[in-house]
Amino acid sequence: MSSFLKACLLLLAAPLLMGAEVYRWVDGDGVVNYGQRVPEGVKAERVSASTGQRIVTTAPARAGQAAAAQTAAEPSPADASADQQLTPEQQQMLDDLRAAEQVRQQELARIREANCQQARSLLDQLTSRGRLRVRGDDGVERVLPEDERQRRIEEAQRGIAVNCTASASL
């Protein structure tokens, strides 16, 4: 598998890896490894989860790993110039991936907003009226039992908690 294809796969997996430090190294048998921890003393490349670009580093000692990871997370001149090292075709692919991710995020925000409004509307209906009538699958109307009403209220509240919070829109 070419390095370019590996970089593209990492870019596609970036949303799953957000916030995680990912390292790439070659072991003694010549096998390429990826992981969040590097064996001590092994020369490795930190792979930026947001861009898929690699930065050469040495595995930190276990005791100082957190401090070294913090330093490694700071942008380096290699990160800034990495986009300039891409061919025009690669740059176009990268731009397309970034645009697709932006569209995906916008669609997720739109869906969450719609789900938020639906859950709020349902909660209003369930709490503002006395006895509720519902139409079953067979088309027959029936009075909604109190235990089922309470269950639906809890579901609507969970829907609001998941879709209407500020963190859900990120």
C-alpha atoms as a PDB file:
ATOM      1  CA  MET A   1       0.000   0.000   0.000  1.00  0.00           C
ATOM      2  CA  SER A   2       1.509   3.323  -0.985  1.00  0.00           C
ATOM      3  CA  SER A   3       2.262   6.054   1.521  1.00  0.00           C
ATOM      4  CA  PHE A   4      -0.209   8.332  -0.229  1.00  0.00           C
ATOM      5  CA  LEU A   5      -3.021   5.788   0.130  1.00  0.00           C
ATOM      6  CA  LYS A   6      -2.174   5.300   3.810  1.00  0.00           C
ATOM      7  CA  ALA A   7      -2.292   9.064   4.336  1.00  0.00           C
ATOM      8  CA  CYS A   8      -5.701   9.227   2.631  1.00  0.00           C
ATOM      9  CA  LEU A   9      -7.031   6.433   4.851  1.00  0.00           C
ATOM     10  CA  LEU A  10      -5.785   8.273   7.917  1.00  0.00           C
ATOM     11  CA  LEU A  11      -7.510  11.447   6.724  1.00  0.00           C
ATOM     12  CA  LEU A  12     -10.776   9.572   6.366  1.00  0.00           C
ATOM     13  CA  ALA A  13     -10.372   8.116   9.834  1.00  0.00           C
ATOM     14  CA  ALA A  14      -9.435  11.497  11.350  1.00  0.00           C
ATOM     15  CA  PRO A  15     -12.862  12.163  12.939  1.00  0.00           C
ATOM     16  CA  LEU A  16     -12.487   8.903  14.847  1.00  0.00           C
ATOM     17  CA  LEU A  17      -9.013   9.827  16.007  1.00  0.00           C
ATOM     18  CA  MET A  18      -9.635  13.445  16.980  1.00  0.00           C
ATOM     19  CA  GLY A  19      -7.694  14.310  20.053  1.00  0.00           C
ATOM     20  CA  ALA A  20      -5.649  11.099  19.984  1.00  0.00           C
ATOM     21  CA  GLU A  21      -1.896  11.032  19.494  1.00  0.00           C
ATOM     22  CA  VAL A  22      -1.074   8.480  16.798  1.00  0.00           C
ATOM     23  CA  TYR A  23       2.427   7.239  16.098  1.00  0.00           C
ATOM     24  CA  ARG A  24       3.911   5.288  13.174  1.00  0.00           C
ATOM     25  CA  TRP A  25       7.072   3.190  13.489  1.00  0.00           C
ATOM     26  CA  VAL A  26       8.800   0.258  11.829  1.00  0.00           C
ATOM     27  CA  ASP A  27       9.721  -2.665  14.072  1.00  0.00           C
ATOM     28  CA  GLY A  28      12.803  -4.891  13.817  1.00  0.00           C
ATOM     29  CA  ASP A  29      11.081  -7.174  11.294  1.00  0.00           C
ATOM     30  CA  GLY A  30      10.310  -4.259   8.963  1.00  0.00           C
ATOM     31  CA  VAL A  31       6.593  -4.200   9.834  1.00  0.00           C
ATOM     32  CA  VAL A  32       4.955  -0.761   9.949  1.00  0.00           C
ATOM     33  CA  ASN A  33       3.039  -0.240  13.196  1.00  0.00           C
ATOM     34  CA  TYR A  34       0.544   2.416  14.273  1.00  0.00           C
ATOM     35  CA  GLY A  35      -0.458   3.084  17.844  1.00  0.00           C
ATOM     36  CA  GLN A  36      -1.050   5.593  20.588  1.00  0.00           C
ATOM     37  CA  ARG A  37       2.071   4.449  22.432  1.00  0.00           C
ATOM     38  CA  VAL A  38       5.532   3.794  21.025  1.00  0.00           C
ATOM     39  CA  PRO A  39       7.981   1.345  22.587  1.00  0.00           C
ATOM     40  CA  GLU A  40      10.717   3.191  24.513  1.00  0.00           C
ATOM     41  CA  GLY A  41      13.715   4.301  22.484  1.00  0.00           C
ATOM     42  CA  VAL A  42      12.103   3.578  19.116  1.00  0.00           C
ATOM     43  CA  LYS A  43      12.305   6.257  16.448  1.00  0.00           C
ATOM     44  CA  ALA A  44       8.743   7.038  15.398  1.00  0.00           C
ATOM     45  CA  GLU A  45       6.720   9.532  13.438  1.00  0.00           C
ATOM     46  CA  ARG A  46       3.795  11.271  15.088  1.00  0.00           C
ATOM     47  CA  VAL A  47       0.883  11.301  12.677  1.00  0.00           C
ATOM     48  CA  SER A  48      -1.271  14.399  12.924  1.00  0.00           C
ATOM     49  CA  ALA A  49      -4.864  13.213  13.368  1.00  0.00           C
ATOM     50  CA  SER A  50      -6.208  16.350  11.718  1.00  0.00           C
ATOM     51  CA  THR A  51      -4.013  16.365   8.589  1.00  0.00           C
ATOM     52  CA  GLY A  52      -2.559  12.868   8.367  1.00  0.00           C
ATOM     53  CA  GLN A  53       0.949  14.325   8.084  1.00  0.00           C
ATOM     54  CA  ARG A  54       3.907  12.765   9.836  1.00  0.00           C
ATOM     55  CA  ILE A  55       6.368  14.424  12.215  1.00  0.00           C
ATOM     56  CA  VAL A  56       9.571  12.597  13.203  1.00  0.00           C
ATOM     57  CA  THR A  57       9.959  12.112  16.945  1.00  0.00           C
ATOM     58  CA  THR A  58      11.527   9.666  19.382  1.00  0.00           C
ATOM     59  CA  ALA A  59       9.360   7.751  21.792  1.00  0.00           C
ATOM     60  CA  PRO A  60       9.270   9.530  25.145  1.00  0.00           C
ATOM     61  CA  ALA A  61      10.177   7.788  28.346  1.00  0.00           C
ATOM     62  CA  ARG A  62       7.117   6.515  30.187  1.00  0.00           C
ATOM     63  CA  ALA A  63       7.433   9.010  33.051  1.00  0.00           C
ATOM     64  CA  GLY A  64       7.692  12.056  30.802  1.00  0.00           C
ATOM     65  CA  GLN A  65       5.320  10.849  28.118  1.00  0.00           C
ATOM     66  CA  ALA A  66       2.554  13.349  28.876  1.00  0.00           C
ATOM     67  CA  ALA A  67       4.918  16.346  28.758  1.00  0.00           C
ATOM     68  CA  ALA A  68       6.525  15.144  25.529  1.00  0.00           C
ATOM     69  CA  ALA A  69       3.127  14.533  23.967  1.00  0.00           C
ATOM     70  CA  GLN A  70       2.137  18.094  24.875  1.00  0.00           C
ATOM     71  CA  THR A  71       5.286  19.445  23.189  1.00  0.00           C
ATOM     72  CA  ALA A  72       4.762  17.212  20.142  1.00  0.00           C
ATOM     73  CA  ALA A  73       1.218  18.553  19.739  1.00  0.00           C
ATOM     74  CA  GLU A  74       2.517  22.072  19.054  1.00  0.00           C
ATOM     75  CA  PRO A  75       2.617  22.866  15.330  1.00  0.00           C
ATOM     76  CA  SER A  76       6.027  22.647  13.748  1.00  0.00           C
ATOM     77  CA  PRO A  77       7.397  24.216  10.563  1.00  0.00           C
ATOM     78  CA  ALA A  78       7.039  20.766   8.944  1.00  0.00           C
ATOM     79  CA  ASP A  79       3.234  20.932   9.491  1.00  0.00           C
ATOM     80  CA  ALA A  80       2.994  24.386   7.946  1.00  0.00           C
ATOM     81  CA  SER A  81       4.871  23.436   4.798  1.00  0.00           C
ATOM     82  CA  ALA A  82       3.490  19.909   4.393  1.00  0.00           C
ATOM     83  CA  ASP A  83       0.591  21.035   2.181  1.00  0.00           C
ATOM     84  CA  GLN A  84       3.182  22.609  -0.143  1.00  0.00           C
ATOM     85  CA  GLN A  85       4.841  19.215  -0.626  1.00  0.00           C
ATOM     86  CA  LEU A  86       1.706  17.689  -2.161  1.00  0.00           C
ATOM     87  CA  THR A  87       1.253  17.305  -5.880  1.00  0.00           C
ATOM     88  CA  PRO A  88      -1.631  19.292  -7.372  1.00  0.00           C
ATOM     89  CA  GLU A  89      -3.671  16.075  -7.599  1.00  0.00           C
ATOM     90  CA  GLN A  90      -2.991  15.232  -3.953  1.00  0.00           C
ATOM     91  CA  GLN A  91      -3.803  18.792  -2.879  1.00  0.00           C
ATOM     92  CA  GLN A  92      -7.101  18.593  -4.777  1.00  0.00           C
ATOM     93  CA  MET A  93      -7.926  15.310  -3.045  1.00  0.00           C
ATOM     94  CA  LEU A  94      -7.084  16.845   0.327  1.00  0.00           C
ATOM     95  CA  ASP A  95      -9.217  19.899  -0.425  1.00  0.00           C
ATOM     96  CA  ASP A  96     -12.083  17.626  -1.525  1.00  0.00           C
ATOM     97  CA  LEU A  97     -11.810  15.625   1.702  1.00  0.00           C
ATOM     98  CA  ARG A  98     -11.849  18.787   3.789  1.00  0.00           C
ATOM     99  CA  ALA A  99     -14.860  20.136   1.881  1.00  0.00           C
ATOM    100  CA  ALA A 100     -16.688  16.811   2.248  1.00  0.00           C
ATOM    101  CA  GLU A 101     -16.002  16.820   5.993  1.00  0.00           C
ATOM    102  CA  GLN A 102     -17.350  20.352   6.283  1.00  0.00           C
ATOM    103  CA  VAL A 103     -20.518  19.360   4.398  1.00  0.00           C
ATOM    104  CA  ARG A 104     -20.867  16.286   6.643  1.00  0.00           C
ATOM    105  CA  GLN A 105     -20.560  18.426   9.779  1.00  0.00           C
ATOM    106  CA  GLN A 106     -23.170  20.870   8.459  1.00  0.00           C
ATOM    107  CA  GLU A 107     -25.572  18.015   7.664  1.00  0.00           C
ATOM    108  CA  LEU A 108     -25.063  16.542  11.144  1.00  0.00           C
ATOM    109  CA  ALA A 109     -25.827  19.930  12.692  1.00  0.00           C
ATOM    110  CA  ARG A 110     -28.993  20.236  10.559  1.00  0.00           C
ATOM    111  CA  ILE A 111     -30.155  16.735  11.563  1.00  0.00           C
ATOM    112  CA  ARG A 112     -29.467  17.410  15.255  1.00  0.00           C
ATOM    113  CA  GLU A 113     -31.440  20.662  15.072  1.00  0.00           C
ATOM    114  CA  ALA A 114     -34.393  18.878  13.428  1.00  0.00           C
ATOM    115  CA  ASN A 115     -34.247  16.098  16.037  1.00  0.00           C
ATOM    116  CA  CYS A 116     -34.042  18.714  18.798  1.00  0.00           C
ATOM    117  CA  GLN A 117     -37.143  20.510  17.555  1.00  0.00           C
ATOM    118  CA  GLN A 118     -39.043  17.234  17.147  1.00  0.00           C
ATOM    119  CA  ALA A 119     -38.151  16.077  20.677  1.00  0.00           C
ATOM    120  CA  ARG A 120     -39.162  19.441  22.178  1.00  0.00           C
ATOM    121  CA  SER A 121     -42.459  19.420  20.302  1.00  0.00           C
ATOM    122  CA  LEU A 122     -43.201  15.870  21.452  1.00  0.00           C
ATOM    123  CA  LEU A 123     -42.341  16.746  25.061  1.00  0.00           C
ATOM    124  CA  ASP A 124     -44.682  19.759  24.891  1.00  0.00           C
ATOM    125  CA  GLN A 125     -47.511  17.570  23.595  1.00  0.00           C
ATOM    126  CA  LEU A 126     -46.939  14.903  26.234  1.00  0.00           C
ATOM    127  CA  THR A 127     -46.803  17.335  29.161  1.00  0.00           C
ATOM    128  CA  SER A 128     -49.321  20.034  28.220  1.00  0.00           C
ATOM    129  CA  ARG A 129     -52.428  17.912  27.878  1.00  0.00           C
ATOM    130  CA  GLY A 130     -54.375  15.642  30.174  1.00  0.00           C
ATOM    131  CA  ARG A 131     -55.361  12.377  28.567  1.00  0.00           C
ATOM    132  CA  LEU A 132     -53.793  11.694  25.213  1.00  0.00           C
ATOM    133  CA  ARG A 133     -55.251   9.592  22.441  1.00  0.00           C
ATOM    134  CA  VAL A 134     -53.021   7.764  20.036  1.00  0.00           C
ATOM    135  CA  ARG A 135     -53.779   5.835  16.892  1.00  0.00           C
ATOM    136  CA  GLY A 136     -52.370   2.310  16.892  1.00  0.00           C
ATOM    137  CA  ASP A 137     -50.947   0.373  13.957  1.00  0.00           C
ATOM    138  CA  ASP A 138     -54.415  -1.093  13.374  1.00  0.00           C
ATOM    139  CA  GLY A 139     -55.862   2.427  13.000  1.00  0.00           C
ATOM    140  CA  VAL A 140     -57.885   2.273  16.226  1.00  0.00           C
ATOM    141  CA  GLU A 141     -57.623   5.208  18.641  1.00  0.00           C
ATOM    142  CA  ARG A 142     -56.895   4.490  22.278  1.00  0.00           C
ATOM    143  CA  VAL A 143     -56.092   6.447  25.407  1.00  0.00           C
ATOM    144  CA  LEU A 144     -52.368   6.506  26.101  1.00  0.00           C
ATOM    145  CA  PRO A 145     -51.721   4.736  29.439  1.00  0.00           C
ATOM    146  CA  GLU A 146     -49.832   6.783  32.040  1.00  0.00           C
ATOM    147  CA  ASP A 147     -46.837   4.410  32.166  1.00  0.00           C
ATOM    148  CA  GLU A 148     -46.422   4.626  28.384  1.00  0.00           C
ATOM    149  CA  ARG A 149     -46.824   8.422  28.542  1.00  0.00           C
ATOM    150  CA  GLN A 150     -44.056   8.618  31.162  1.00  0.00           C
ATOM    151  CA  ARG A 151     -41.821   6.358  29.037  1.00  0.00           C
ATOM    152  CA  ARG A 152     -42.367   8.624  26.014  1.00  0.00           C
ATOM    153  CA  ILE A 153     -41.642  11.723  28.125  1.00  0.00           C
ATOM    154  CA  GLU A 154     -38.330  10.165  29.217  1.00  0.00           C
ATOM    155  CA  GLU A 155     -37.471   9.331  25.582  1.00  0.00           C
ATOM    156  CA  ALA A 156     -38.239  12.918  24.524  1.00  0.00           C
ATOM    157  CA  GLN A 157     -36.063  14.245  27.354  1.00  0.00           C
ATOM    158  CA  ARG A 158     -33.204  11.975  26.254  1.00  0.00           C
ATOM    159  CA  GLY A 159     -33.656  13.229  22.691  1.00  0.00           C
ATOM    160  CA  ILE A 160     -33.412  16.807  23.921  1.00  0.00           C
ATOM    161  CA  ALA A 161     -30.318  16.035  25.991  1.00  0.00           C
ATOM    162  CA  VAL A 162     -28.584  14.413  23.010  1.00  0.00           C
ATOM    163  CA  ASN A 163     -29.602  16.830  20.256  1.00  0.00           C
ATOM    164  CA  CYS A 164     -30.180  20.205  21.899  1.00  0.00           C
ATOM    165  CA  THR A 165     -26.970  20.680  23.879  1.00  0.00           C
ATOM    166  CA  ALA A 166     -24.169  22.941  22.667  1.00  0.00           C
ATOM    167  CA  SER A 167     -21.689  20.043  22.723  1.00  0.00           C
ATOM    168  CA  ALA A 168     -23.917  17.989  20.402  1.00  0.00           C
ATOM    169  CA  SER A 169     -23.502  20.581  17.669  1.00  0.00           C
ATOM    170  CA  LEU A 170     -19.696  20.240  17.636  1.00  0.00           C
END
